[in-house]
Amino acid sequence: MNEDCLREKVEKYSVLKSQGKLSEEREGALATFNEVMDLLEEGRLRTASRRDEEWEVNLWVKQGIMLGFPLGNVTTYNGSADISFVDKETFPLRRITPEMGIRVVPPSVGLRRGSFAGKGTVFMPPAYVNVGAYVGDGTMVENLAGSCCQIGKDSHISAGAVIGGVLDPIEATPVILGDNVLLGEGSGVTQGSRLGDLVTLTPGVHISKGTPVIDPIRGIAYPNKGMITLERTRIGGINFYTLDKVIDEKDPSYGPEVPRGALVISGVMLSSTGTLKTVPMVTKYIEDKSQRAYALEEALRS
């Protein structure tokens, strides 16, 4: 793969797309789009990648995906005698073979064109992996893995858990999950939030751009702005927390970053208006996935 050459072609056709002239060079544009999609499925291209310990969005790769929408006509895909799907002809479900080492258990919706799944991945009903997503080796997905999300290896996305997706605007950072992450039933990670390795969300916990994650253990909170110190108020034997001073700023365009090993449950903090609101709260840190079962039980009992 000559990445620079492919990038130049994507950028050329993206300009034509913005000018409404893509149909004039449809054949070349379609070939470029399909090359991008094939490389995404092989894991040789990614919509976001880690460089020098920082995640960066690969804008041109997302531009390559976006070429497929004006290039594709709407068509019908026949799933069975009773079920059919209607979508762009450029975005069918991926064809999965046993040799790939991937299990897609019926009636999962499946993996969309341009998504990657590593060896030993399992997709349980009603799993769906959208375009541009990356699912690492050994991970199980039991619900939605949104467009362009990046999921590490040996993770578990439980029933009803949602990982948000983003294609447009192209500069938006997708949701990023590390290795050995566990999302409990009905939990969610959206709006470009990031979970480090070994992070665990208990059932129902939702992390998004507008919701800070409070960490009483370290006395700080993780909003989309970076890190903020916590101020504790004790009322009737119960601790309540408010945000205090910013101590480490980051790019606020994506959601909170939850550090490695954090076990997150639903907590309570005081809002700026003095009312109570439910927020994600770190209750423990683990160093190895073998500690997770005990830590979960302890957190939910306390």
C-alpha atoms as a PDB file:
ATOM      1  CA  MET A   1       0.000   0.000   0.000  1.00  0.00           C
ATOM      2  CA  ASN A   2       1.314   3.418  -0.973  1.00  0.00           C
ATOM      3  CA  GLU A   3      -0.460   5.483   1.677  1.00  0.00           C
ATOM      4  CA  ASP A   4       0.640   8.863   0.310  1.00  0.00           C
ATOM      5  CA  CYS A   5      -0.642   8.023  -3.168  1.00  0.00           C
ATOM      6  CA  LEU A   6      -3.976   6.789  -1.789  1.00  0.00           C
ATOM      7  CA  ARG A   7      -4.318   9.874   0.374  1.00  0.00           C
ATOM      8  CA  GLU A   8      -3.736  12.148  -2.639  1.00  0.00           C
ATOM      9  CA  LYS A   9      -6.485  10.363  -4.576  1.00  0.00           C
ATOM     10  CA  VAL A  10      -8.916  10.580  -1.666  1.00  0.00           C
ATOM     11  CA  GLU A  11      -8.267  14.297  -1.252  1.00  0.00           C
ATOM     12  CA  LYS A  12      -8.657  14.877  -4.999  1.00  0.00           C
ATOM     13  CA  TYR A  13     -12.037  13.132  -5.141  1.00  0.00           C
ATOM     14  CA  SER A  14     -13.163  14.805  -1.919  1.00  0.00           C
ATOM     15  CA  VAL A  15     -12.655  18.196  -3.570  1.00  0.00           C
ATOM     16  CA  LEU A  16     -14.749  17.038  -6.540  1.00  0.00           C
ATOM     17  CA  LYS A  17     -17.389  15.806  -4.089  1.00  0.00           C
ATOM     18  CA  SER A  18     -17.559  19.220  -2.419  1.00  0.00           C
ATOM     19  CA  GLN A  19     -17.960  20.800  -5.864  1.00  0.00           C
ATOM     20  CA  GLY A  20     -20.740  18.417  -6.873  1.00  0.00           C
ATOM     21  CA  LYS A  21     -18.597  16.999  -9.691  1.00  0.00           C
ATOM     22  CA  LEU A  22     -17.800  13.531  -8.340  1.00  0.00           C
ATOM     23  CA  SER A  23     -19.969  11.793 -10.954  1.00  0.00           C
ATOM     24  CA  GLU A  24     -17.643  13.099 -13.674  1.00  0.00           C
ATOM     25  CA  GLU A  25     -14.887  10.763 -12.407  1.00  0.00           C
ATOM     26  CA  ARG A  26     -17.076   8.087 -10.833  1.00  0.00           C
ATOM     27  CA  GLU A  27     -14.991   5.087 -11.918  1.00  0.00           C
ATOM     28  CA  GLY A  28     -11.740   6.346 -10.394  1.00  0.00           C
ATOM     29  CA  ALA A  29     -13.492   7.620  -7.269  1.00  0.00           C
ATOM     30  CA  LEU A  30     -15.249   4.296  -6.724  1.00  0.00           C
ATOM     31  CA  ALA A  31     -11.974   2.388  -7.102  1.00  0.00           C
ATOM     32  CA  THR A  32     -10.345   4.691  -4.533  1.00  0.00           C
ATOM     33  CA  PHE A  33     -13.271   4.297  -2.138  1.00  0.00           C
ATOM     34  CA  ASN A  34     -13.125   0.498  -2.404  1.00  0.00           C
ATOM     35  CA  GLU A  35      -9.371   0.509  -1.780  1.00  0.00           C
ATOM     36  CA  VAL A  36      -9.903   2.477   1.425  1.00  0.00           C
ATOM     37  CA  MET A  37     -12.664   0.119   2.534  1.00  0.00           C
ATOM     38  CA  ASP A  38     -10.621  -3.008   1.796  1.00  0.00           C
ATOM     39  CA  LEU A  39      -7.670  -1.686   3.801  1.00  0.00           C
ATOM     40  CA  LEU A  40      -9.956  -0.790   6.713  1.00  0.00           C
ATOM     41  CA  GLU A  41     -11.334  -4.333   6.732  1.00  0.00           C
ATOM     42  CA  GLU A  42      -7.794  -5.720   6.740  1.00  0.00           C
ATOM     43  CA  GLY A  43      -6.826  -3.469   9.661  1.00  0.00           C
ATOM     44  CA  ARG A  44      -4.089  -1.804   7.585  1.00  0.00           C
ATOM     45  CA  LEU A  45      -5.878   1.562   7.736  1.00  0.00           C
ATOM     46  CA  ARG A  46      -7.647   3.017  10.740  1.00  0.00           C
ATOM     47  CA  THR A  47      -9.872   6.060  11.183  1.00  0.00           C
ATOM     48  CA  ALA A  48      -7.874   6.997  14.285  1.00  0.00           C
ATOM     49  CA  SER A  49      -4.420   5.878  15.364  1.00  0.00           C
ATOM     50  CA  ARG A  50      -2.010   6.352  18.228  1.00  0.00           C
ATOM     51  CA  ARG A  51       1.112   8.433  17.588  1.00  0.00           C
ATOM     52  CA  ASP A  52       3.587   9.381  20.319  1.00  0.00           C
ATOM     53  CA  GLU A  53       1.108   8.284  23.007  1.00  0.00           C
ATOM     54  CA  GLU A  54      -1.621  10.530  21.574  1.00  0.00           C
ATOM     55  CA  TRP A  55      -4.642   9.510  19.506  1.00  0.00           C
ATOM     56  CA  GLU A  56      -5.144  11.345  16.221  1.00  0.00           C
ATOM     57  CA  VAL A  57      -8.043  11.271  13.769  1.00  0.00           C
ATOM     58  CA  ASN A  58      -7.005  10.233  10.267  1.00  0.00           C
ATOM     59  CA  LEU A  59      -9.103  12.802   8.438  1.00  0.00           C
ATOM     60  CA  TRP A  60      -8.329  11.564   4.950  1.00  0.00           C
ATOM     61  CA  VAL A  61      -9.420   8.011   5.829  1.00  0.00           C
ATOM     62  CA  LYS A  62     -12.797   9.348   6.974  1.00  0.00           C
ATOM     63  CA  GLN A  63     -12.960  11.406   3.788  1.00  0.00           C
ATOM     64  CA  GLY A  64     -12.409   8.171   1.864  1.00  0.00           C
ATOM     65  CA  ILE A  65     -15.366   6.562   3.626  1.00  0.00           C
ATOM     66  CA  MET A  66     -17.569   9.576   2.919  1.00  0.00           C
ATOM     67  CA  LEU A  67     -16.976   9.171  -0.827  1.00  0.00           C
ATOM     68  CA  GLY A  68     -19.158   6.068  -0.745  1.00  0.00           C
ATOM     69  CA  PHE A  69     -22.395   7.890   0.017  1.00  0.00           C
ATOM     70  CA  PRO A  70     -22.740   9.954  -3.176  1.00  0.00           C
ATOM     71  CA  LEU A  71     -21.204   7.118  -5.226  1.00  0.00           C
ATOM     72  CA  GLY A  72     -23.730   4.498  -4.120  1.00  0.00           C
ATOM     73  CA  ASN A  73     -27.303   4.019  -5.257  1.00  0.00           C
ATOM     74  CA  VAL A  74     -29.924   2.751  -2.823  1.00  0.00           C
ATOM     75  CA  THR A  75     -30.539  -0.953  -3.274  1.00  0.00           C
ATOM     76  CA  THR A  76     -32.294  -3.874  -1.568  1.00  0.00           C
ATOM     77  CA  TYR A  77     -30.320  -6.593   0.178  1.00  0.00           C
ATOM     78  CA  ASN A  78     -32.277  -9.788   0.732  1.00  0.00           C
ATOM     79  CA  GLY A  79     -31.500 -11.314   4.098  1.00  0.00           C
ATOM     80  CA  SER A  80     -34.151 -14.060   4.047  1.00  0.00           C
ATOM     81  CA  ALA A  81     -37.572 -14.750   2.631  1.00  0.00           C
ATOM     82  CA  ASP A  82     -39.143 -12.452   5.215  1.00  0.00           C
ATOM     83  CA  ILE A  83     -36.409  -9.872   5.849  1.00  0.00           C
ATOM     84  CA  SER A  84     -34.678  -7.464   3.488  1.00  0.00           C
ATOM     85  CA  PHE A  85     -32.497  -4.406   3.996  1.00  0.00           C
ATOM     86  CA  VAL A  86     -32.424  -1.173   2.005  1.00  0.00           C
ATOM     87  CA  ASP A  87     -29.175   0.777   1.982  1.00  0.00           C
ATOM     88  CA  LYS A  88     -26.484   2.249  -0.243  1.00  0.00           C
ATOM     89  CA  GLU A  89     -24.972  -0.367  -2.554  1.00  0.00           C
ATOM     90  CA  THR A  90     -21.533   0.826  -1.475  1.00  0.00           C
ATOM     91  CA  PHE A  91     -22.132  -0.171   2.173  1.00  0.00           C
ATOM     92  CA  PRO A  92     -23.266  -3.809   2.275  1.00  0.00           C
ATOM     93  CA  LEU A  93     -22.655  -6.092   5.233  1.00  0.00           C
ATOM     94  CA  ARG A  94     -19.233  -7.697   5.194  1.00  0.00           C
ATOM     95  CA  ARG A  95     -18.948 -11.275   4.046  1.00  0.00           C
ATOM     96  CA  ILE A  96     -17.511 -13.362   6.898  1.00  0.00           C
ATOM     97  CA  THR A  97     -15.902 -16.785   6.378  1.00  0.00           C
ATOM     98  CA  PRO A  98     -14.803 -19.368   8.991  1.00  0.00           C
ATOM     99  CA  GLU A  99     -11.155 -18.828   8.003  1.00  0.00           C
ATOM    100  CA  MET A 100     -11.285 -15.282   9.390  1.00  0.00           C
ATOM    101  CA  GLY A 101     -11.643 -16.550  12.967  1.00  0.00           C
ATOM    102  CA  ILE A 102     -14.690 -14.325  13.552  1.00  0.00           C
ATOM    103  CA  ARG A 103     -18.032 -15.518  14.949  1.00  0.00           C
ATOM    104  CA  VAL A 104     -21.225 -13.663  14.056  1.00  0.00           C
ATOM    105  CA  VAL A 105     -24.025 -15.381  15.960  1.00  0.00           C
ATOM    106  CA  PRO A 106     -27.521 -15.120  14.405  1.00  0.00           C
ATOM    107  CA  PRO A 107     -29.590 -13.052  14.421  1.00  0.00           C
ATOM    108  CA  SER A 108     -26.827 -10.447  14.804  1.00  0.00           C
ATOM    109  CA  VAL A 109     -27.105  -7.707  12.202  1.00  0.00           C
ATOM    110  CA  GLY A 110     -23.417  -8.138  11.370  1.00  0.00           C
ATOM    111  CA  LEU A 111     -20.411  -6.087  10.327  1.00  0.00           C
ATOM    112  CA  ARG A 112     -20.796  -3.298   7.807  1.00  0.00           C
ATOM    113  CA  ARG A 113     -18.421  -2.815   4.903  1.00  0.00           C
ATOM    114  CA  GLY A 114     -15.241  -1.003   5.994  1.00  0.00           C
ATOM    115  CA  SER A 115     -15.143  -2.321   9.577  1.00  0.00           C
ATOM    116  CA  PHE A 116     -12.384  -4.465  11.092  1.00  0.00           C
ATOM    117  CA  ALA A 117     -12.697  -7.425  13.450  1.00  0.00           C
ATOM    118  CA  GLY A 118      -9.669  -9.282  14.792  1.00  0.00           C
ATOM    119  CA  LYS A 119      -9.126 -12.982  15.398  1.00  0.00           C
ATOM    120  CA  GLY A 120     -11.332 -14.539  18.035  1.00  0.00           C
ATOM    121  CA  THR A 121     -13.920 -11.743  18.032  1.00  0.00           C
ATOM    122  CA  VAL A 122     -17.522 -12.741  18.763  1.00  0.00           C
ATOM    123  CA  PHE A 123     -20.655 -10.800  17.848  1.00  0.00           C
ATOM    124  CA  MET A 124     -23.775 -11.794  19.765  1.00  0.00           C
ATOM    125  CA  PRO A 125     -27.339 -10.667  18.918  1.00  0.00           C
ATOM    126  CA  PRO A 126     -28.192  -7.892  18.229  1.00  0.00           C
ATOM    127  CA  ALA A 127     -24.590  -6.851  17.528  1.00  0.00           C
ATOM    128  CA  TYR A 128     -23.846  -4.374  14.763  1.00  0.00           C
ATOM    129  CA  VAL A 129     -20.444  -2.927  13.858  1.00  0.00           C
ATOM    130  CA  ASN A 130     -20.589   0.207  11.732  1.00  0.00           C
ATOM    131  CA  VAL A 131     -18.248   1.448   9.007  1.00  0.00           C
ATOM    132  CA  GLY A 132     -14.742   2.502  10.069  1.00  0.00           C
ATOM    133  CA  ALA A 133     -14.929   0.727  13.426  1.00  0.00           C
ATOM    134  CA  TYR A 134     -11.989  -1.341  14.700  1.00  0.00           C
ATOM    135  CA  VAL A 135     -12.614  -4.285  17.052  1.00  0.00           C
ATOM    136  CA  GLY A 136      -9.471  -5.887  18.492  1.00  0.00           C
ATOM    137  CA  ASP A 137      -8.668  -9.590  18.856  1.00  0.00           C
ATOM    138  CA  GLY A 138     -10.715 -11.612  21.304  1.00  0.00           C
ATOM    139  CA  THR A 139     -13.344  -8.944  21.968  1.00  0.00           C
ATOM    140  CA  MET A 140     -17.043  -9.775  22.345  1.00  0.00           C
ATOM    141  CA  VAL A 141     -19.699  -7.291  21.185  1.00  0.00           C
ATOM    142  CA  GLU A 142     -23.340  -7.806  22.183  1.00  0.00           C
ATOM    143  CA  ASN A 143     -24.760  -4.519  20.919  1.00  0.00           C
ATOM    144  CA  LEU A 144     -23.765  -1.427  18.917  1.00  0.00           C
ATOM    145  CA  ALA A 145     -20.190  -0.540  17.990  1.00  0.00           C
ATOM    146  CA  GLY A 146     -20.661   2.816  16.268  1.00  0.00           C
ATOM    147  CA  SER A 147     -18.905   4.172  13.201  1.00  0.00           C
ATOM    148  CA  CYS A 148     -15.148   4.719  13.513  1.00  0.00           C
ATOM    149  CA  CYS A 149     -14.972   3.607  17.179  1.00  0.00           C
ATOM    150  CA  GLN A 150     -11.709   1.959  18.223  1.00  0.00           C
ATOM    151  CA  ILE A 151     -11.967  -1.027  20.600  1.00  0.00           C
ATOM    152  CA  GLY A 152      -8.930  -2.834  21.997  1.00  0.00           C
ATOM    153  CA  LYS A 153      -8.379  -6.548  22.412  1.00  0.00           C
ATOM    154  CA  ASP A 154     -10.021  -8.944  24.896  1.00  0.00           C
ATOM    155  CA  SER A 155     -12.801  -6.505  25.796  1.00  0.00           C
ATOM    156  CA  HIS A 156     -16.502  -7.190  26.426  1.00  0.00           C
ATOM    157  CA  ILE A 157     -19.341  -4.942  25.283  1.00  0.00           C
ATOM    158  CA  SER A 158     -22.292  -6.400  27.189  1.00  0.00           C
ATOM    159  CA  ALA A 159     -25.962  -6.659  26.236  1.00  0.00           C
ATOM    160  CA  GLY A 160     -27.557  -3.258  25.742  1.00  0.00           C
ATOM    161  CA  ALA A 161     -24.253  -1.375  25.984  1.00  0.00           C
ATOM    162  CA  VAL A 162     -23.773   1.312  23.340  1.00  0.00           C
ATOM    163  CA  ILE A 163     -20.582   2.666  21.816  1.00  0.00           C
ATOM    164  CA  GLY A 164     -21.337   5.858  19.931  1.00  0.00           C
ATOM    165  CA  GLY A 165     -20.106   6.555  16.441  1.00  0.00           C
ATOM    166  CA  VAL A 166     -19.086   9.577  14.411  1.00  0.00           C
ATOM    167  CA  LEU A 167     -18.418  10.083  10.718  1.00  0.00           C
ATOM    168  CA  ASP A 168     -19.310  13.729  10.304  1.00  0.00           C
ATOM    169  CA  PRO A 169     -17.752  16.166  11.072  1.00  0.00           C
ATOM    170  CA  ILE A 170     -14.663  14.330   9.866  1.00  0.00           C
ATOM    171  CA  GLU A 171     -12.392  16.002  12.414  1.00  0.00           C
ATOM    172  CA  ALA A 172     -14.422  14.622  15.340  1.00  0.00           C
ATOM    173  CA  THR A 173     -12.590  12.054  17.466  1.00  0.00           C
ATOM    174  CA  PRO A 174     -14.367   8.689  17.774  1.00  0.00           C
ATOM    175  CA  VAL A 175     -14.918   6.714  20.968  1.00  0.00           C
ATOM    176  CA  ILE A 176     -11.706   4.913  21.939  1.00  0.00           C
ATOM    177  CA  LEU A 177     -11.537   1.910  24.284  1.00  0.00           C
ATOM    178  CA  GLY A 178      -8.351   0.214  25.469  1.00  0.00           C
ATOM    179  CA  ASP A 179      -7.629  -3.476  26.029  1.00  0.00           C
ATOM    180  CA  ASN A 180      -9.547  -5.609  28.559  1.00  0.00           C
ATOM    181  CA  VAL A 181     -12.366  -3.063  28.899  1.00  0.00           C
ATOM    182  CA  LEU A 182     -15.729  -4.220  30.244  1.00  0.00           C
ATOM    183  CA  LEU A 183     -18.949  -2.306  29.536  1.00  0.00           C
ATOM    184  CA  GLY A 184     -21.743  -3.620  31.773  1.00  0.00           C
ATOM    185  CA  GLU A 185     -25.315  -4.156  30.624  1.00  0.00           C
ATOM    186  CA  GLY A 186     -27.038  -0.986  29.457  1.00  0.00           C
ATOM    187  CA  SER A 187     -23.958   1.202  29.815  1.00  0.00           C
ATOM    188  CA  GLY A 188     -22.720   3.599  27.150  1.00  0.00           C
ATOM    189  CA  VAL A 189     -19.673   5.489  25.902  1.00  0.00           C
ATOM    190  CA  THR A 190     -20.379   8.286  23.411  1.00  0.00           C
ATOM    191  CA  GLN A 191     -19.173  11.633  21.990  1.00  0.00           C
ATOM    192  CA  GLY A 192     -15.510  10.715  21.652  1.00  0.00           C
ATOM    193  CA  SER A 193     -14.986   9.614  25.259  1.00  0.00           C
ATOM    194  CA  ARG A 194     -11.933   7.450  25.949  1.00  0.00           C
ATOM    195  CA  LEU A 195     -11.470   4.543  28.332  1.00  0.00           C
ATOM    196  CA  GLY A 196      -7.993   3.278  29.193  1.00  0.00           C
ATOM    197  CA  ASP A 197      -6.991  -0.371  29.491  1.00  0.00           C
ATOM    198  CA  LEU A 198      -8.846  -2.433  32.128  1.00  0.00           C
ATOM    199  CA  VAL A 199     -11.583   0.177  32.661  1.00  0.00           C
ATOM    200  CA  THR A 200     -14.891  -1.285  33.872  1.00  0.00           C
ATOM    201  CA  LEU A 201     -18.301   0.385  33.667  1.00  0.00           C
ATOM    202  CA  THR A 202     -20.947  -1.174  35.884  1.00  0.00           C
ATOM    203  CA  PRO A 203     -24.448  -1.643  34.411  1.00  0.00           C
ATOM    204  CA  GLY A 204     -26.213   1.561  33.409  1.00  0.00           C
ATOM    205  CA  VAL A 205     -23.215   3.905  33.621  1.00  0.00           C
ATOM    206  CA  HIS A 206     -23.026   6.349  30.702  1.00  0.00           C
ATOM    207  CA  ILE A 207     -20.008   8.468  29.818  1.00  0.00           C
ATOM    208  CA  SER A 208     -20.340  11.331  27.346  1.00  0.00           C
ATOM    209  CA  LYS A 209     -18.819  14.704  26.549  1.00  0.00           C
ATOM    210  CA  GLY A 210     -21.153  16.589  28.884  1.00  0.00           C
ATOM    211  CA  THR A 211     -20.728  14.335  31.924  1.00  0.00           C
ATOM    212  CA  PRO A 212     -17.637  14.552  34.178  1.00  0.00           C
ATOM    213  CA  VAL A 213     -16.332  11.351  35.743  1.00  0.00           C
ATOM    214  CA  ILE A 214     -15.579  11.977  39.423  1.00  0.00           C
ATOM    215  CA  ASP A 215     -12.717  10.206  41.175  1.00  0.00           C
ATOM    216  CA  PRO A 216     -12.839  10.544  44.985  1.00  0.00           C
ATOM    217  CA  ILE A 217      -9.876   8.171  45.283  1.00  0.00           C
ATOM    218  CA  ARG A 218      -7.536  10.685  43.641  1.00  0.00           C
ATOM    219  CA  GLY A 219      -9.596  13.778  44.529  1.00  0.00           C
ATOM    220  CA  ILE A 220     -10.129  14.829  40.937  1.00  0.00           C
ATOM    221  CA  ALA A 221     -12.719  14.693  38.145  1.00  0.00           C
ATOM    222  CA  TYR A 222     -12.346  13.970  34.433  1.00  0.00           C
ATOM    223  CA  PRO A 223     -14.580  16.273  32.355  1.00  0.00           C
ATOM    224  CA  ASN A 224     -14.044  16.912  28.660  1.00  0.00           C
ATOM    225  CA  LYS A 225     -11.781  19.842  29.642  1.00  0.00           C
ATOM    226  CA  GLY A 226      -9.092  17.674  31.268  1.00  0.00           C
ATOM    227  CA  MET A 227      -8.748  17.234  35.032  1.00  0.00           C
ATOM    228  CA  ILE A 228     -10.409  19.258  37.809  1.00  0.00           C
ATOM    229  CA  THR A 229      -9.946  18.997  41.575  1.00  0.00           C
ATOM    230  CA  LEU A 230     -12.928  17.884  43.660  1.00  0.00           C
ATOM    231  CA  GLU A 231     -14.415  19.602  46.675  1.00  0.00           C
ATOM    232  CA  ARG A 232     -16.175  17.264  49.115  1.00  0.00           C
ATOM    233  CA  THR A 233     -19.241  18.177  51.177  1.00  0.00           C
ATOM    234  CA  ARG A 234     -20.470  15.738  53.832  1.00  0.00           C
ATOM    235  CA  ILE A 235     -24.213  15.896  54.553  1.00  0.00           C
ATOM    236  CA  GLY A 236     -25.849  13.440  56.926  1.00  0.00           C
ATOM    237  CA  GLY A 237     -22.980  11.002  56.659  1.00  0.00           C
ATOM    238  CA  ILE A 238     -23.041  11.070  52.842  1.00  0.00           C
ATOM    239  CA  ASN A 239     -20.293  12.570  50.677  1.00  0.00           C
ATOM    240  CA  PHE A 240     -21.274  14.908  47.869  1.00  0.00           C
ATOM    241  CA  TYR A 241     -18.795  16.357  45.398  1.00  0.00           C
ATOM    242  CA  THR A 242     -18.490  19.576  43.391  1.00  0.00           C
ATOM    243  CA  LEU A 243     -15.926  20.570  40.770  1.00  0.00           C
ATOM    244  CA  ASP A 244     -13.220  22.985  41.917  1.00  0.00           C
ATOM    245  CA  LYS A 245     -10.065  23.990  39.962  1.00  0.00           C
ATOM    246  CA  VAL A 246      -8.770  22.925  36.560  1.00  0.00           C
ATOM    247  CA  ILE A 247      -5.308  21.370  37.017  1.00  0.00           C
ATOM    248  CA  ASP A 248      -4.664  19.827  33.590  1.00  0.00           C
ATOM    249  CA  GLU A 249      -6.361  21.079  30.423  1.00  0.00           C
ATOM    250  CA  LYS A 250      -6.920  19.064  27.249  1.00  0.00           C
ATOM    251  CA  ASP A 251      -8.674  19.468  23.915  1.00  0.00           C
ATOM    252  CA  PRO A 252     -12.354  19.858  24.927  1.00  0.00           C
ATOM    253  CA  SER A 253     -13.698  18.682  21.566  1.00  0.00           C
ATOM    254  CA  TYR A 254     -13.933  15.068  22.734  1.00  0.00           C
ATOM    255  CA  GLY A 255     -15.252  13.440  25.883  1.00  0.00           C
ATOM    256  CA  PRO A 256     -13.635  12.526  29.201  1.00  0.00           C
ATOM    257  CA  GLU A 257     -10.571  10.289  29.423  1.00  0.00           C
ATOM    258  CA  VAL A 258     -10.920   7.597  32.088  1.00  0.00           C
ATOM    259  CA  PRO A 259      -7.551   6.273  33.328  1.00  0.00           C
ATOM    260  CA  ARG A 260      -6.336   2.699  33.248  1.00  0.00           C
ATOM    261  CA  GLY A 261      -7.906   0.238  35.658  1.00  0.00           C
ATOM    262  CA  ALA A 262     -10.765   2.485  36.838  1.00  0.00           C
ATOM    263  CA  LEU A 263     -13.920   0.741  38.029  1.00  0.00           C
ATOM    264  CA  VAL A 264     -16.810   3.169  37.462  1.00  0.00           C
ATOM    265  CA  ILE A 265     -20.244   3.108  39.122  1.00  0.00           C
ATOM    266  CA  SER A 266     -23.103   5.645  39.315  1.00  0.00           C
ATOM    267  CA  GLY A 267     -22.376   8.372  41.895  1.00  0.00           C
ATOM    268  CA  VAL A 268     -23.878  11.702  42.971  1.00  0.00           C
ATOM    269  CA  MET A 269     -22.529  15.243  42.841  1.00  0.00           C
ATOM    270  CA  LEU A 270     -23.838  18.760  43.492  1.00  0.00           C
ATOM    271  CA  SER A 271     -24.511  20.802  40.380  1.00  0.00           C
ATOM    272  CA  SER A 272     -23.631  24.489  40.073  1.00  0.00           C
ATOM    273  CA  THR A 273     -27.246  25.281  40.996  1.00  0.00           C
ATOM    274  CA  GLY A 274     -27.073  23.229  44.179  1.00  0.00           C
ATOM    275  CA  THR A 275     -29.161  20.321  42.900  1.00  0.00           C
ATOM    276  CA  LEU A 276     -28.059  16.685  42.925  1.00  0.00           C
ATOM    277  CA  LYS A 277     -27.233  14.826  39.752  1.00  0.00           C
ATOM    278  CA  THR A 278     -26.066  11.322  38.940  1.00  0.00           C
ATOM    279  CA  VAL A 279     -22.552  11.059  37.511  1.00  0.00           C
ATOM    280  CA  PRO A 280     -20.059   8.284  36.799  1.00  0.00           C
ATOM    281  CA  MET A 281     -17.768   7.754  39.796  1.00  0.00           C
ATOM    282  CA  VAL A 282     -14.511   5.825  40.150  1.00  0.00           C
ATOM    283  CA  THR A 283     -14.752   3.561  43.171  1.00  0.00           C
ATOM    284  CA  LYS A 284     -11.624   1.421  42.766  1.00  0.00           C
ATOM    285  CA  TYR A 285      -8.596   0.764  40.570  1.00  0.00           C
ATOM    286  CA  ILE A 286      -7.497  -2.683  39.445  1.00  0.00           C
ATOM    287  CA  GLU A 287      -4.131  -3.770  38.052  1.00  0.00           C
ATOM    288  CA  ASP A 288      -5.169  -7.020  36.396  1.00  0.00           C
ATOM    289  CA  LYS A 289      -8.383  -8.390  34.908  1.00  0.00           C
ATOM    290  CA  SER A 290      -8.284 -11.265  37.423  1.00  0.00           C
ATOM    291  CA  GLN A 291      -9.187  -8.683  40.111  1.00  0.00           C
ATOM    292  CA  ARG A 292     -12.294  -7.479  38.280  1.00  0.00           C
ATOM    293  CA  ALA A 293     -14.906  -9.931  39.600  1.00  0.00           C
ATOM    294  CA  TYR A 294     -14.036  -9.277  43.251  1.00  0.00           C
ATOM    295  CA  ALA A 295     -13.744  -5.523  42.719  1.00  0.00           C
ATOM    296  CA  LEU A 296     -17.137  -5.403  41.007  1.00  0.00           C
ATOM    297  CA  GLU A 297     -18.844  -7.329  43.791  1.00  0.00           C
ATOM    298  CA  GLU A 298     -17.206  -5.140  46.437  1.00  0.00           C
ATOM    299  CA  ALA A 299     -18.165  -1.926  44.633  1.00  0.00           C
ATOM    300  CA  LEU A 300     -21.790  -2.907  44.158  1.00  0.00           C
ATOM    301  CA  ARG A 301     -22.178  -4.058  47.762  1.00  0.00           C
ATOM    302  CA  SER A 302     -20.627  -0.946  49.331  1.00  0.00           C
END
